N, C-alpha and C. Protein backbone atom coordinates (compact mmCIF):
# COMPACT_ATOMS: atom_id res chain seq x y z
N MET A 1 -117.64 -13.69 88.46
CA MET A 1 -117.27 -12.38 88.93
C MET A 1 -116.93 -11.48 87.74
N ILE A 2 -117.22 -10.22 87.86
CA ILE A 2 -116.97 -9.25 86.79
C ILE A 2 -115.53 -8.81 86.82
N ASP A 3 -114.89 -8.88 85.66
CA ASP A 3 -113.51 -8.38 85.52
C ASP A 3 -113.60 -6.88 85.27
N LYS A 4 -113.34 -6.09 86.30
CA LYS A 4 -113.52 -4.64 86.20
C LYS A 4 -112.55 -4.01 85.19
N ARG A 5 -111.37 -4.56 85.09
CA ARG A 5 -110.43 -4.02 84.10
C ARG A 5 -110.92 -4.25 82.68
N LEU A 6 -111.43 -5.45 82.42
CA LEU A 6 -111.95 -5.74 81.10
C LEU A 6 -113.19 -4.91 80.80
N LEU A 7 -114.06 -4.77 81.77
CA LEU A 7 -115.26 -3.96 81.61
C LEU A 7 -114.89 -2.51 81.28
N SER A 8 -113.94 -1.97 82.02
CA SER A 8 -113.50 -0.61 81.78
C SER A 8 -112.88 -0.46 80.38
N LYS A 9 -112.08 -1.43 79.99
CA LYS A 9 -111.46 -1.39 78.68
C LYS A 9 -112.50 -1.42 77.57
N ARG A 10 -113.48 -2.31 77.68
CA ARG A 10 -114.50 -2.43 76.64
C ARG A 10 -115.41 -1.21 76.61
N PHE A 11 -115.73 -0.67 77.78
CA PHE A 11 -116.55 0.52 77.81
C PHE A 11 -115.79 1.68 77.16
N SER A 12 -114.53 1.84 77.46
CA SER A 12 -113.74 2.91 76.87
C SER A 12 -113.63 2.79 75.37
N GLU A 13 -113.49 1.56 74.88
CA GLU A 13 -113.38 1.32 73.45
C GLU A 13 -114.64 1.75 72.69
N HIS A 14 -115.80 1.64 73.34
CA HIS A 14 -117.07 1.91 72.66
C HIS A 14 -117.75 3.19 73.12
N ALA A 15 -117.12 3.91 73.99
CA ALA A 15 -117.73 5.15 74.51
C ALA A 15 -118.01 6.16 73.40
N LYS A 16 -117.17 6.18 72.38
CA LYS A 16 -117.35 7.16 71.31
C LYS A 16 -118.64 6.92 70.51
N THR A 17 -119.18 5.70 70.51
CA THR A 17 -120.40 5.39 69.77
C THR A 17 -121.65 5.47 70.65
N TYR A 18 -121.48 5.76 71.91
CA TYR A 18 -122.62 5.75 72.84
C TYR A 18 -123.70 6.72 72.40
N ASP A 19 -123.32 7.96 72.06
CA ASP A 19 -124.32 8.97 71.70
C ASP A 19 -125.15 8.56 70.48
N ALA A 20 -124.51 7.91 69.51
CA ALA A 20 -125.24 7.47 68.34
C ALA A 20 -126.34 6.46 68.72
N TYR A 21 -126.00 5.53 69.57
CA TYR A 21 -126.97 4.54 69.99
C TYR A 21 -128.01 5.14 70.94
N ALA A 22 -127.61 6.11 71.74
CA ALA A 22 -128.56 6.76 72.65
C ALA A 22 -129.63 7.48 71.83
N ASN A 23 -129.23 8.11 70.73
CA ASN A 23 -130.21 8.78 69.87
C ASN A 23 -131.18 7.80 69.25
N VAL A 24 -130.70 6.64 68.85
CA VAL A 24 -131.56 5.61 68.31
C VAL A 24 -132.59 5.19 69.36
N GLN A 25 -132.14 4.99 70.59
CA GLN A 25 -133.06 4.60 71.66
C GLN A 25 -134.09 5.69 71.94
N LYS A 26 -133.66 6.94 71.94
CA LYS A 26 -134.59 8.03 72.18
C LYS A 26 -135.64 8.12 71.07
N ASN A 27 -135.19 7.96 69.84
CA ASN A 27 -136.13 8.02 68.72
C ASN A 27 -137.13 6.87 68.77
N MET A 28 -136.66 5.68 69.11
CA MET A 28 -137.56 4.53 69.24
C MET A 28 -138.57 4.76 70.35
N ALA A 29 -138.12 5.29 71.47
CA ALA A 29 -139.04 5.57 72.59
C ALA A 29 -140.10 6.56 72.16
N LYS A 30 -139.71 7.60 71.41
CA LYS A 30 -140.68 8.58 70.96
C LYS A 30 -141.69 7.93 70.02
N GLN A 31 -141.23 7.10 69.11
CA GLN A 31 -142.14 6.42 68.19
C GLN A 31 -143.12 5.53 68.95
N LEU A 32 -142.66 4.84 69.96
CA LEU A 32 -143.54 3.98 70.75
C LEU A 32 -144.58 4.83 71.51
N VAL A 33 -144.15 5.94 72.07
CA VAL A 33 -145.07 6.84 72.77
C VAL A 33 -146.12 7.37 71.78
N ASP A 34 -145.68 7.67 70.57
CA ASP A 34 -146.63 8.19 69.57
C ASP A 34 -147.69 7.15 69.20
N LEU A 35 -147.40 5.88 69.40
CA LEU A 35 -148.37 4.82 69.09
C LEU A 35 -149.44 4.67 70.18
N LEU A 36 -149.18 5.21 71.36
CA LEU A 36 -150.15 5.09 72.44
C LEU A 36 -151.39 5.90 72.14
N PRO A 37 -152.53 5.44 72.61
CA PRO A 37 -153.78 6.18 72.33
C PRO A 37 -153.78 7.55 73.01
N LYS A 38 -154.36 8.50 72.31
CA LYS A 38 -154.50 9.85 72.84
C LYS A 38 -155.98 10.18 72.91
N LYS A 39 -156.66 9.62 73.90
CA LYS A 39 -158.13 9.69 73.95
C LYS A 39 -158.64 10.94 74.66
N THR A 40 -157.83 11.52 75.54
CA THR A 40 -158.32 12.69 76.26
C THR A 40 -157.27 13.79 76.19
N PRO A 41 -157.66 15.03 76.35
CA PRO A 41 -156.67 16.11 76.33
C PRO A 41 -155.59 15.94 77.40
N ILE A 42 -155.95 15.43 78.55
CA ILE A 42 -154.98 15.24 79.62
C ILE A 42 -153.97 14.17 79.23
N MET A 43 -154.45 13.06 78.69
CA MET A 43 -153.55 12.00 78.25
C MET A 43 -152.64 12.49 77.14
N GLU A 44 -153.17 13.25 76.20
CA GLU A 44 -152.37 13.77 75.10
C GLU A 44 -151.28 14.69 75.64
N SER A 45 -151.62 15.51 76.59
CA SER A 45 -150.64 16.42 77.21
C SER A 45 -149.53 15.63 77.88
N ILE A 46 -149.89 14.60 78.61
CA ILE A 46 -148.89 13.77 79.29
C ILE A 46 -147.98 13.09 78.27
N PHE A 47 -148.56 12.53 77.24
CA PHE A 47 -147.76 11.84 76.21
C PHE A 47 -146.83 12.81 75.51
N LEU A 48 -147.32 14.02 75.20
CA LEU A 48 -146.48 15.00 74.52
C LEU A 48 -145.31 15.41 75.38
N LYS A 49 -145.56 15.60 76.67
CA LYS A 49 -144.50 15.99 77.58
C LYS A 49 -143.47 14.87 77.72
N LEU A 50 -143.95 13.64 77.80
CA LEU A 50 -143.05 12.49 77.90
C LEU A 50 -142.21 12.35 76.63
N ALA A 51 -142.85 12.47 75.49
CA ALA A 51 -142.14 12.37 74.22
C ALA A 51 -141.09 13.48 74.11
N ALA A 52 -141.42 14.69 74.50
CA ALA A 52 -140.47 15.79 74.45
C ALA A 52 -139.30 15.53 75.37
N ALA A 53 -139.56 14.99 76.53
CA ALA A 53 -138.48 14.70 77.49
C ALA A 53 -137.56 13.61 76.95
N LEU A 54 -138.13 12.66 76.24
CA LEU A 54 -137.30 11.57 75.71
C LEU A 54 -136.42 12.03 74.54
N VAL A 55 -136.89 13.03 73.80
CA VAL A 55 -136.14 13.49 72.62
C VAL A 55 -135.04 14.45 73.02
N THR A 56 -135.23 15.20 74.09
CA THR A 56 -134.23 16.19 74.48
C THR A 56 -133.16 15.60 75.34
């Protein structure tokens, strides 16, 4: 069973670093999207929109 008090305590202790790690995840997602093939204008448009959404 999950100890909700402990979970809350640990989450609170690390909440201040969340944004730093979120940015790392967003950047990695963008890099992975950039590796996908861009064979057609439609696919390129979709990938660019997805990458933009992940970065913002």
